[in-house]
Amino acid sequence: MTQEKAPLLSLEDVVFSYPDAEPALDGVSIAIHRGERIAVLGNNGAGKSTFFLVCNAILRPQHGALYSDGERIQYTKKELTALRKKVGIVFQDADSQIIASTVESEISFGPMNLRLPREEVEQLVDEAVEQMDLEAYRLRPPQYLSGGEKKRVSIADILAMHPEIILFDEPTASLDPKNTALLEGTLERLSAAGITLVVSTHDVDFAYRFATRAVVFSAGRIVADAAPEAVFSDEEVIRTAGLKRPILFDAARLVQRAVPGIDQSAAPKTLEEFARMLQTVR
């Protein structure tokens, strides 16, 4: 690969197998570019979580290569430190990520490990606390926070490292509707700030609203990589990956088939957009 217009992160023909198991990733190639909002879809066991662990170099593929800005990762300590600063993971279970006794010390853990000057660490922590609205929780033990609050702390952990890419593994799992809405707002702000977001999810309605690109895994392979509208229009992909379609996607298609004169190109992703589509027949 060359440096010119290289993707932020890419995998080339990656294979990874756990002991005594079929390949969790089987020839996966993908390029992730700056500013993208990618939804990673597929059933349990399709390879999504393994894909994330390879992207962050927690797992090293048995075949193929991982590239950062066009440079092949050789898995030296220096490269791994730089990569994990650039590519952060927010795990599904926040408790598995949180280790410190207070929110403030938890958020400072990553920058401290980089041996940054104390003043710089404090500034990074202050910025992350402000971004995730955690000022009132700075001295609280994280284990006593709610699920939604813990999720905000785990995101602040990553933000304190100033990442270019954040990988979210099932971020809405176990969250109630209020905290899910708050999380979606957080993702919008992170995207607006220029951070590339890659989100693994079973929630196709959320994926349809959020993503500009959908990547579908099945049996360790990528079986689709396109705009969400194209992916959800593909009958074979839906069948192969065991997906269901978003409610608004199906509703729009039903209306478009039933109502003469309605905008056939519309792909509403929110109720407001769906209402505007219906207004075109008035």
C-alpha atoms as a PDB file:
ATOM      1  CA  MET A   1       0.000   0.000   0.000  1.00  0.00           C
ATOM      2  CA  THR A   2       1.096   3.596  -0.583  1.00  0.00           C
ATOM      3  CA  GLN A   3       0.735   6.530   1.748  1.00  0.00           C
ATOM      4  CA  GLU A   4      -1.253   8.548  -0.816  1.00  0.00           C
ATOM      5  CA  LYS A   5      -4.872   8.716   0.255  1.00  0.00           C
ATOM      6  CA  ALA A   6      -4.386   5.614   2.376  1.00  0.00           C
ATOM      7  CA  PRO A   7      -7.326   4.627   4.575  1.00  0.00           C
ATOM      8  CA  LEU A   8      -7.040   5.253   8.289  1.00  0.00           C
ATOM      9  CA  LEU A   9      -7.191   1.514   8.905  1.00  0.00           C
ATOM     10  CA  SER A  10      -7.430  -1.501   6.638  1.00  0.00           C
ATOM     11  CA  LEU A  11      -7.375  -5.290   6.734  1.00  0.00           C
ATOM     12  CA  GLU A  12      -6.089  -7.350   3.834  1.00  0.00           C
ATOM     13  CA  ASP A  13      -7.138 -11.005   3.455  1.00  0.00           C
ATOM     14  CA  VAL A  14      -7.207 -11.511   7.232  1.00  0.00           C
ATOM     15  CA  VAL A  15      -7.746 -14.986   8.671  1.00  0.00           C
ATOM     16  CA  PHE A  16      -8.102 -15.672  12.376  1.00  0.00           C
ATOM     17  CA  SER A  17      -9.144 -18.889  14.099  1.00  0.00           C
ATOM     18  CA  TYR A  18      -9.609 -19.703  17.760  1.00  0.00           C
ATOM     19  CA  PRO A  19      -8.253 -23.099  18.891  1.00  0.00           C
ATOM     20  CA  ASP A  20     -10.210 -26.094  17.583  1.00  0.00           C
ATOM     21  CA  ALA A  21     -12.748 -23.921  15.774  1.00  0.00           C
ATOM     22  CA  GLU A  22     -13.680 -22.838  12.275  1.00  0.00           C
ATOM     23  CA  PRO A  23     -12.169 -19.501  11.191  1.00  0.00           C
ATOM     24  CA  ALA A  24     -13.777 -16.574  13.001  1.00  0.00           C
ATOM     25  CA  LEU A  25     -12.474 -14.377  10.179  1.00  0.00           C
ATOM     26  CA  ASP A  26     -11.984 -16.009   6.810  1.00  0.00           C
ATOM     27  CA  GLY A  27     -10.280 -13.801   4.230  1.00  0.00           C
ATOM     28  CA  VAL A  28     -11.560 -10.426   5.432  1.00  0.00           C
ATOM     29  CA  SER A  29     -10.475  -7.314   3.530  1.00  0.00           C
ATOM     30  CA  ILE A  30     -11.831  -3.872   4.347  1.00  0.00           C
ATOM     31  CA  ALA A  31     -10.721  -0.223   4.317  1.00  0.00           C
ATOM     32  CA  ILE A  32     -11.965   2.318   6.852  1.00  0.00           C
ATOM     33  CA  HIS A  33     -11.743   5.975   5.880  1.00  0.00           C
ATOM     34  CA  ARG A  34     -11.748   9.201   7.835  1.00  0.00           C
ATOM     35  CA  GLY A  35     -15.151  10.462   8.960  1.00  0.00           C
ATOM     36  CA  GLU A  36     -17.128   7.328   8.097  1.00  0.00           C
ATOM     37  CA  ARG A  37     -20.087   6.056  10.127  1.00  0.00           C
ATOM     38  CA  ILE A  38     -20.086   2.300   9.650  1.00  0.00           C
ATOM     39  CA  ALA A  39     -22.617  -0.185  11.016  1.00  0.00           C
ATOM     40  CA  VAL A  40     -21.281  -3.726  11.345  1.00  0.00           C
ATOM     41  CA  LEU A  41     -24.133  -6.231  11.096  1.00  0.00           C
ATOM     42  CA  GLY A  42     -24.510  -9.999  11.381  1.00  0.00           C
ATOM     43  CA  ASN A  43     -25.717 -12.718  13.705  1.00  0.00           C
ATOM     44  CA  ASN A  44     -23.879 -13.887  16.826  1.00  0.00           C
ATOM     45  CA  GLY A  45     -20.764 -15.796  15.793  1.00  0.00           C
ATOM     46  CA  ALA A  46     -20.534 -14.058  12.425  1.00  0.00           C
ATOM     47  CA  GLY A  47     -17.106 -12.568  13.260  1.00  0.00           C
ATOM     48  CA  LYS A  48     -17.961  -9.006  14.299  1.00  0.00           C
ATOM     49  CA  SER A  49     -16.260  -8.984  17.719  1.00  0.00           C
ATOM     50  CA  THR A  50     -13.181 -10.782  16.389  1.00  0.00           C
ATOM     51  CA  PHE A  51     -12.989  -8.200  13.619  1.00  0.00           C
ATOM     52  CA  PHE A  52     -12.891  -5.433  16.234  1.00  0.00           C
ATOM     53  CA  LEU A  53     -10.172  -7.182  18.254  1.00  0.00           C
ATOM     54  CA  VAL A  54      -8.041  -7.533  15.130  1.00  0.00           C
ATOM     55  CA  CYS A  55      -8.582  -3.856  14.235  1.00  0.00           C
ATOM     56  CA  ASN A  56      -7.212  -2.879  17.660  1.00  0.00           C
ATOM     57  CA  ALA A  57      -4.418  -5.503  17.451  1.00  0.00           C
ATOM     58  CA  ILE A  58      -5.612  -7.286  20.581  1.00  0.00           C
ATOM     59  CA  LEU A  59      -5.675 -10.324  18.290  1.00  0.00           C
ATOM     60  CA  ARG A  60      -3.033 -10.927  15.648  1.00  0.00           C
ATOM     61  CA  PRO A  61      -4.235 -12.641  12.470  1.00  0.00           C
ATOM     62  CA  GLN A  62      -2.724 -15.952  11.434  1.00  0.00           C
ATOM     63  CA  HIS A  63      -2.818 -14.819   7.813  1.00  0.00           C
ATOM     64  CA  GLY A  64      -3.167 -11.443   6.118  1.00  0.00           C
ATOM     65  CA  ALA A  65      -2.242  -7.994   7.307  1.00  0.00           C
ATOM     66  CA  LEU A  66      -3.429  -4.969   9.273  1.00  0.00           C
ATOM     67  CA  TYR A  67      -2.520  -1.505   8.002  1.00  0.00           C
ATOM     68  CA  SER A  68      -2.604   1.898   9.706  1.00  0.00           C
ATOM     69  CA  ASP A  69      -2.403   4.894   7.344  1.00  0.00           C
ATOM     70  CA  GLY A  70      -1.061   2.563   4.679  1.00  0.00           C
ATOM     71  CA  GLU A  71       1.735   1.137   6.837  1.00  0.00           C
ATOM     72  CA  ARG A  72       1.665  -2.565   7.661  1.00  0.00           C
ATOM     73  CA  ILE A  73       1.549  -3.250  11.395  1.00  0.00           C
ATOM     74  CA  GLN A  74       4.460  -5.440  12.527  1.00  0.00           C
ATOM     75  CA  TYR A  75       3.166  -5.722  16.121  1.00  0.00           C
ATOM     76  CA  THR A  76       6.142  -4.050  17.784  1.00  0.00           C
ATOM     77  CA  LYS A  77       5.445  -2.472  21.166  1.00  0.00           C
ATOM     78  CA  LYS A  78       5.829   1.026  19.684  1.00  0.00           C
ATOM     79  CA  GLU A  79       3.393   0.288  16.855  1.00  0.00           C
ATOM     80  CA  LEU A  80       0.825  -1.271  19.171  1.00  0.00           C
ATOM     81  CA  THR A  81       0.926   1.729  21.516  1.00  0.00           C
ATOM     82  CA  ALA A  82       0.383   4.117  18.606  1.00  0.00           C
ATOM     83  CA  LEU A  83      -2.381   1.971  17.093  1.00  0.00           C
ATOM     84  CA  ARG A  84      -4.316   1.616  20.344  1.00  0.00           C
ATOM     85  CA  LYS A  85      -4.137   5.363  20.887  1.00  0.00           C
ATOM     86  CA  LYS A  86      -5.542   5.864  17.390  1.00  0.00           C
ATOM     87  CA  VAL A  87      -8.155   3.064  17.478  1.00  0.00           C
ATOM     88  CA  GLY A  88     -10.218   2.761  20.649  1.00  0.00           C
ATOM     89  CA  ILE A  89     -12.775   0.091  21.545  1.00  0.00           C
ATOM     90  CA  VAL A  90     -15.852   0.608  23.698  1.00  0.00           C
ATOM     91  CA  PHE A  91     -16.848  -2.904  24.760  1.00  0.00           C
ATOM     92  CA  GLN A  92     -20.417  -4.115  25.126  1.00  0.00           C
ATOM     93  CA  ASP A  93     -19.989  -4.744  28.862  1.00  0.00           C
ATOM     94  CA  ALA A  94     -18.717  -1.513  30.416  1.00  0.00           C
ATOM     95  CA  ASP A  95     -17.776  -3.369  33.604  1.00  0.00           C
ATOM     96  CA  SER A  96     -15.160  -5.342  31.677  1.00  0.00           C
ATOM     97  CA  GLN A  97     -13.471  -2.086  30.659  1.00  0.00           C
ATOM     98  CA  ILE A  98     -13.624  -0.118  33.924  1.00  0.00           C
ATOM     99  CA  ILE A  99     -10.883  -0.909  36.447  1.00  0.00           C
ATOM    100  CA  ALA A 100     -10.164   2.180  38.575  1.00  0.00           C
ATOM    101  CA  SER A 101     -11.637   3.307  41.897  1.00  0.00           C
ATOM    102  CA  THR A 102     -12.989   6.667  40.707  1.00  0.00           C
ATOM    103  CA  VAL A 103     -14.280   8.026  37.414  1.00  0.00           C
ATOM    104  CA  GLU A 104     -11.429  10.545  37.248  1.00  0.00           C
ATOM    105  CA  SER A 105      -8.710   7.943  37.803  1.00  0.00           C
ATOM    106  CA  GLU A 106     -10.419   5.618  35.321  1.00  0.00           C
ATOM    107  CA  ILE A 107     -10.326   8.237  32.554  1.00  0.00           C
ATOM    108  CA  SER A 108      -6.717   9.145  33.352  1.00  0.00           C
ATOM    109  CA  PHE A 109      -5.522   5.545  33.133  1.00  0.00           C
ATOM    110  CA  GLY A 110      -4.793   5.518  29.378  1.00  0.00           C
ATOM    111  CA  PRO A 111      -2.951   8.855  29.190  1.00  0.00           C
ATOM    112  CA  MET A 112      -0.951   7.968  32.313  1.00  0.00           C
ATOM    113  CA  ASN A 113       0.156   4.730  30.653  1.00  0.00           C
ATOM    114  CA  LEU A 114       1.532   6.816  27.787  1.00  0.00           C
ATOM    115  CA  ARG A 115       3.727   8.548  30.393  1.00  0.00           C
ATOM    116  CA  LEU A 116       2.450  11.964  29.413  1.00  0.00           C
ATOM    117  CA  PRO A 117       3.224  14.970  31.625  1.00  0.00           C
ATOM    118  CA  ARG A 118       0.766  15.360  34.515  1.00  0.00           C
ATOM    119  CA  GLU A 119      -0.499  18.701  33.189  1.00  0.00           C
ATOM    120  CA  GLU A 120      -1.310  17.133  29.817  1.00  0.00           C
ATOM    121  CA  VAL A 121      -3.060  14.186  31.457  1.00  0.00           C
ATOM    122  CA  GLU A 122      -5.188  16.535  33.540  1.00  0.00           C
ATOM    123  CA  GLN A 123      -6.145  18.503  30.431  1.00  0.00           C
ATOM    124  CA  LEU A 124      -7.109  15.338  28.538  1.00  0.00           C
ATOM    125  CA  VAL A 125      -9.202  14.129  31.475  1.00  0.00           C
ATOM    126  CA  ASP A 126     -10.922  17.513  31.800  1.00  0.00           C
ATOM    127  CA  GLU A 127     -11.778  17.482  28.088  1.00  0.00           C
ATOM    128  CA  ALA A 128     -13.180  13.941  28.190  1.00  0.00           C
ATOM    129  CA  VAL A 129     -15.198  14.663  31.351  1.00  0.00           C
ATOM    130  CA  GLU A 130     -16.708  17.733  29.711  1.00  0.00           C
ATOM    131  CA  GLN A 131     -17.467  15.914  26.443  1.00  0.00           C
ATOM    132  CA  MET A 132     -19.329  13.143  28.263  1.00  0.00           C
ATOM    133  CA  ASP A 133     -20.953  15.416  30.894  1.00  0.00           C
ATOM    134  CA  LEU A 134     -19.354  13.565  33.817  1.00  0.00           C
ATOM    135  CA  GLU A 135     -18.280  16.471  36.048  1.00  0.00           C
ATOM    136  CA  ALA A 136     -20.702  15.476  38.817  1.00  0.00           C
ATOM    137  CA  TYR A 137     -19.276  11.937  38.822  1.00  0.00           C
ATOM    138  CA  ARG A 138     -15.521  12.631  38.860  1.00  0.00           C
ATOM    139  CA  LEU A 139     -14.901  11.272  42.354  1.00  0.00           C
ATOM    140  CA  ARG A 140     -17.592   8.589  42.303  1.00  0.00           C
ATOM    141  CA  PRO A 141     -16.672   4.869  42.195  1.00  0.00           C
ATOM    142  CA  PRO A 142     -17.653   3.686  38.688  1.00  0.00           C
ATOM    143  CA  GLN A 143     -19.115   0.410  39.970  1.00  0.00           C
ATOM    144  CA  TYR A 144     -21.951   2.336  41.624  1.00  0.00           C
ATOM    145  CA  LEU A 145     -23.030   4.125  38.450  1.00  0.00           C
ATOM    146  CA  SER A 146     -25.970   3.120  36.268  1.00  0.00           C
ATOM    147  CA  GLY A 147     -25.474   1.222  33.005  1.00  0.00           C
ATOM    148  CA  GLY A 148     -25.842   4.383  30.941  1.00  0.00           C
ATOM    149  CA  GLU A 149     -23.413   6.298  33.160  1.00  0.00           C
ATOM    150  CA  LYS A 150     -20.852   3.499  32.957  1.00  0.00           C
ATOM    151  CA  LYS A 151     -21.162   3.570  29.179  1.00  0.00           C
ATOM    152  CA  ARG A 152     -20.368   7.296  29.221  1.00  0.00           C
ATOM    153  CA  VAL A 153     -17.316   6.639  31.398  1.00  0.00           C
ATOM    154  CA  SER A 154     -16.073   3.918  29.031  1.00  0.00           C
ATOM    155  CA  ILE A 155     -16.433   6.335  26.095  1.00  0.00           C
ATOM    156  CA  ALA A 156     -14.588   9.041  28.077  1.00  0.00           C
ATOM    157  CA  ASP A 157     -11.781   6.502  28.629  1.00  0.00           C
ATOM    158  CA  ILE A 158     -11.287   6.360  24.875  1.00  0.00           C
ATOM    159  CA  LEU A 159     -11.781  10.076  24.222  1.00  0.00           C
ATOM    160  CA  ALA A 160      -8.957  10.900  26.641  1.00  0.00           C
ATOM    161  CA  MET A 161      -6.615   9.157  24.203  1.00  0.00           C
ATOM    162  CA  HIS A 162      -7.682  11.485  21.333  1.00  0.00           C
ATOM    163  CA  PRO A 163      -8.580   8.598  18.981  1.00  0.00           C
ATOM    164  CA  GLU A 164      -9.189   8.879  15.260  1.00  0.00           C
ATOM    165  CA  ILE A 165     -11.419   5.782  15.195  1.00  0.00           C
ATOM    166  CA  ILE A 166     -13.751   4.424  17.863  1.00  0.00           C
ATOM    167  CA  LEU A 167     -15.130   0.889  17.609  1.00  0.00           C
ATOM    168  CA  PHE A 168     -18.385   0.346  19.517  1.00  0.00           C
ATOM    169  CA  ASP A 169     -19.342  -3.275  20.250  1.00  0.00           C
ATOM    170  CA  GLU A 170     -23.137  -3.420  20.725  1.00  0.00           C
ATOM    171  CA  PRO A 171     -23.286   0.012  22.413  1.00  0.00           C
ATOM    172  CA  THR A 172     -27.070   0.015  22.918  1.00  0.00           C
ATOM    173  CA  ALA A 173     -27.187  -3.453  24.519  1.00  0.00           C
ATOM    174  CA  SER A 174     -28.799  -3.367  28.000  1.00  0.00           C
ATOM    175  CA  LEU A 175     -29.561   0.362  27.742  1.00  0.00           C
ATOM    176  CA  ASP A 176     -33.085   1.656  28.323  1.00  0.00           C
ATOM    177  CA  PRO A 177     -34.721   3.908  25.683  1.00  0.00           C
ATOM    178  CA  LYS A 178     -33.641   7.128  27.439  1.00  0.00           C
ATOM    179  CA  ASN A 179     -29.982   6.103  27.611  1.00  0.00           C
ATOM    180  CA  THR A 180     -30.113   4.741  24.076  1.00  0.00           C
ATOM    181  CA  ALA A 181     -31.279   8.153  22.854  1.00  0.00           C
ATOM    182  CA  LEU A 182     -28.505   9.842  24.858  1.00  0.00           C
ATOM    183  CA  LEU A 183     -25.953   7.482  23.330  1.00  0.00           C
ATOM    184  CA  GLU A 184     -27.168   8.249  19.816  1.00  0.00           C
ATOM    185  CA  GLY A 185     -26.744  11.934  20.574  1.00  0.00           C
ATOM    186  CA  THR A 186     -23.206  11.233  21.756  1.00  0.00           C
ATOM    187  CA  LEU A 187     -22.408   9.382  18.542  1.00  0.00           C
ATOM    188  CA  GLU A 188     -23.721  12.327  16.525  1.00  0.00           C
ATOM    189  CA  ARG A 189     -21.418  14.711  18.409  1.00  0.00           C
ATOM    190  CA  LEU A 190     -18.402  12.433  18.005  1.00  0.00           C
ATOM    191  CA  SER A 191     -19.058  12.139  14.279  1.00  0.00           C
ATOM    192  CA  ALA A 192     -19.450  15.910  13.966  1.00  0.00           C
ATOM    193  CA  ALA A 193     -16.061  16.257  15.687  1.00  0.00           C
ATOM    194  CA  GLY A 194     -14.496  14.198  12.886  1.00  0.00           C
ATOM    195  CA  ILE A 195     -14.046  10.887  14.678  1.00  0.00           C
ATOM    196  CA  THR A 196     -14.581   7.800  12.533  1.00  0.00           C
ATOM    197  CA  LEU A 197     -17.200   5.533  14.118  1.00  0.00           C
ATOM    198  CA  VAL A 198     -17.590   1.794  13.558  1.00  0.00           C
ATOM    199  CA  VAL A 199     -20.560   0.313  15.424  1.00  0.00           C
ATOM    200  CA  SER A 200     -21.436  -3.366  15.762  1.00  0.00           C
ATOM    201  CA  THR A 201     -25.147  -3.780  16.415  1.00  0.00           C
ATOM    202  CA  HIS A 202     -28.145  -6.109  16.133  1.00  0.00           C
ATOM    203  CA  ASP A 203     -30.462  -3.078  16.124  1.00  0.00           C
ATOM    204  CA  VAL A 204     -31.130  -2.611  12.409  1.00  0.00           C
ATOM    205  CA  ASP A 205     -33.383   0.407  13.006  1.00  0.00           C
ATOM    206  CA  PHE A 206     -30.548   2.191  14.809  1.00  0.00           C
ATOM    207  CA  ALA A 207     -28.049   1.087  12.139  1.00  0.00           C
ATOM    208  CA  TYR A 208     -30.284   2.440   9.381  1.00  0.00           C
ATOM    209  CA  ARG A 209     -30.593   5.825  11.129  1.00  0.00           C
ATOM    210  CA  PHE A 210     -26.937   6.084  12.064  1.00  0.00           C
ATOM    211  CA  ALA A 211     -24.777   4.632   9.321  1.00  0.00           C
ATOM    212  CA  THR A 212     -23.559   5.901   5.989  1.00  0.00           C
ATOM    213  CA  ARG A 213     -22.119   2.452   5.262  1.00  0.00           C
ATOM    214  CA  ALA A 214     -23.182  -1.035   6.319  1.00  0.00           C
ATOM    215  CA  VAL A 215     -20.790  -3.977   6.487  1.00  0.00           C
ATOM    216  CA  VAL A 216     -22.417  -7.397   6.895  1.00  0.00           C
ATOM    217  CA  PHE A 217     -20.591 -10.424   8.289  1.00  0.00           C
ATOM    218  CA  SER A 218     -21.654 -14.052   7.911  1.00  0.00           C
ATOM    219  CA  ALA A 219     -19.572 -17.116   8.893  1.00  0.00           C
ATOM    220  CA  GLY A 220     -16.419 -15.014   9.199  1.00  0.00           C
ATOM    221  CA  ARG A 221     -16.740 -13.346   5.811  1.00  0.00           C
ATOM    222  CA  ILE A 222     -17.951  -9.962   4.632  1.00  0.00           C
ATOM    223  CA  VAL A 223     -20.997 -10.663   2.466  1.00  0.00           C
ATOM    224  CA  ALA A 224     -22.030  -7.041   1.863  1.00  0.00           C
ATOM    225  CA  ASP A 225     -20.367  -3.632   2.101  1.00  0.00           C
ATOM    226  CA  ALA A 226     -22.473  -0.766   0.777  1.00  0.00           C
ATOM    227  CA  ALA A 227     -24.863   2.025   1.701  1.00  0.00           C
ATOM    228  CA  PRO A 228     -27.530   0.804   4.155  1.00  0.00           C
ATOM    229  CA  GLU A 229     -30.272   1.303   1.560  1.00  0.00           C
ATOM    230  CA  ALA A 230     -28.465  -1.026  -0.858  1.00  0.00           C
ATOM    231  CA  VAL A 231     -27.751  -3.642   1.808  1.00  0.00           C
ATOM    232  CA  PHE A 232     -31.344  -3.790   3.053  1.00  0.00           C
ATOM    233  CA  SER A 233     -32.609  -3.981  -0.530  1.00  0.00           C
ATOM    234  CA  ASP A 234     -30.554  -7.109  -1.226  1.00  0.00           C
ATOM    235  CA  GLU A 235     -32.712 -10.198  -0.670  1.00  0.00           C
ATOM    236  CA  GLU A 236     -29.772 -12.588  -0.830  1.00  0.00           C
ATOM    237  CA  VAL A 237     -27.779 -10.668   1.796  1.00  0.00           C
ATOM    238  CA  ILE A 238     -30.809 -10.515   4.103  1.00  0.00           C
ATOM    239  CA  ARG A 239     -31.305 -14.266   3.766  1.00  0.00           C
ATOM    240  CA  THR A 240     -27.625 -15.246   4.015  1.00  0.00           C
ATOM    241  CA  ALA A 241     -26.903 -13.096   7.077  1.00  0.00           C
ATOM    242  CA  GLY A 242     -30.243 -13.733   8.792  1.00  0.00           C
ATOM    243  CA  LEU A 243     -31.025 -10.033   9.018  1.00  0.00           C
ATOM    244  CA  LYS A 244     -34.356  -8.290   9.264  1.00  0.00           C
ATOM    245  CA  ARG A 245     -35.101  -4.980   7.611  1.00  0.00           C
ATOM    246  CA  PRO A 246     -35.611  -1.687   9.475  1.00  0.00           C
ATOM    247  CA  ILE A 247     -39.254  -0.856  10.139  1.00  0.00           C
ATOM    248  CA  LEU A 248     -39.139   2.473   8.293  1.00  0.00           C
ATOM    249  CA  PHE A 249     -37.392   0.865   5.325  1.00  0.00           C
ATOM    250  CA  ASP A 250     -40.183  -1.714   4.956  1.00  0.00           C
ATOM    251  CA  ALA A 251     -42.914   0.865   5.618  1.00  0.00           C
ATOM    252  CA  ALA A 252     -41.560   3.210   2.952  1.00  0.00           C
ATOM    253  CA  ARG A 253     -41.385   0.407   0.388  1.00  0.00           C
ATOM    254  CA  LEU A 254     -44.989  -0.636   1.123  1.00  0.00           C
ATOM    255  CA  VAL A 255     -46.246   2.918   0.719  1.00  0.00           C
ATOM    256  CA  GLN A 256     -44.226   3.455  -2.462  1.00  0.00           C
ATOM    257  CA  ARG A 257     -45.756   0.348  -4.027  1.00  0.00           C
ATOM    258  CA  ALA A 258     -49.301   1.215  -2.933  1.00  0.00           C
ATOM    259  CA  VAL A 259     -49.557   4.971  -3.471  1.00  0.00           C
ATOM    260  CA  PRO A 260     -49.337   6.426  -7.023  1.00  0.00           C
ATOM    261  CA  GLY A 261     -47.302   9.593  -7.317  1.00  0.00           C
ATOM    262  CA  ILE A 262     -45.254   9.189  -4.167  1.00  0.00           C
ATOM    263  CA  ASP A 263     -41.501   9.748  -4.289  1.00  0.00           C
ATOM    264  CA  GLN A 264     -40.082   6.377  -5.329  1.00  0.00           C
ATOM    265  CA  SER A 265     -36.496   7.362  -4.501  1.00  0.00           C
ATOM    266  CA  ALA A 266     -37.163   8.378  -0.908  1.00  0.00           C
ATOM    267  CA  ALA A 267     -35.395   6.369   1.806  1.00  0.00           C
ATOM    268  CA  PRO A 268     -36.678   7.885   5.075  1.00  0.00           C
ATOM    269  CA  LYS A 269     -34.625   7.047   8.151  1.00  0.00           C
ATOM    270  CA  THR A 270     -36.655   8.951  10.739  1.00  0.00           C
ATOM    271  CA  LEU A 271     -40.373   9.452  11.363  1.00  0.00           C
ATOM    272  CA  GLU A 272     -39.979  13.081  10.286  1.00  0.00           C
ATOM    273  CA  GLU A 273     -38.496  12.029   6.943  1.00  0.00           C
ATOM    274  CA  PHE A 274     -41.249   9.428   6.533  1.00  0.00           C
ATOM    275  CA  ALA A 275     -43.898  12.106   7.136  1.00  0.00           C
ATOM    276  CA  ARG A 276     -42.291  14.369   4.522  1.00  0.00           C
ATOM    277  CA  MET A 277     -42.334  11.502   2.029  1.00  0.00           C
ATOM    278  CA  LEU A 278     -46.081  11.033   2.620  1.00  0.00           C
ATOM    279  CA  GLN A 279     -46.670  14.743   2.047  1.00  0.00           C
ATOM    280  CA  THR A 280     -45.487  14.425  -1.544  1.00  0.00           C
ATOM    281  CA  VAL A 281     -48.855  12.927  -2.536  1.00  0.00           C
ATOM    282  CA  ARG A 282     -50.924  15.776  -1.141  1.00  0.00           C
END
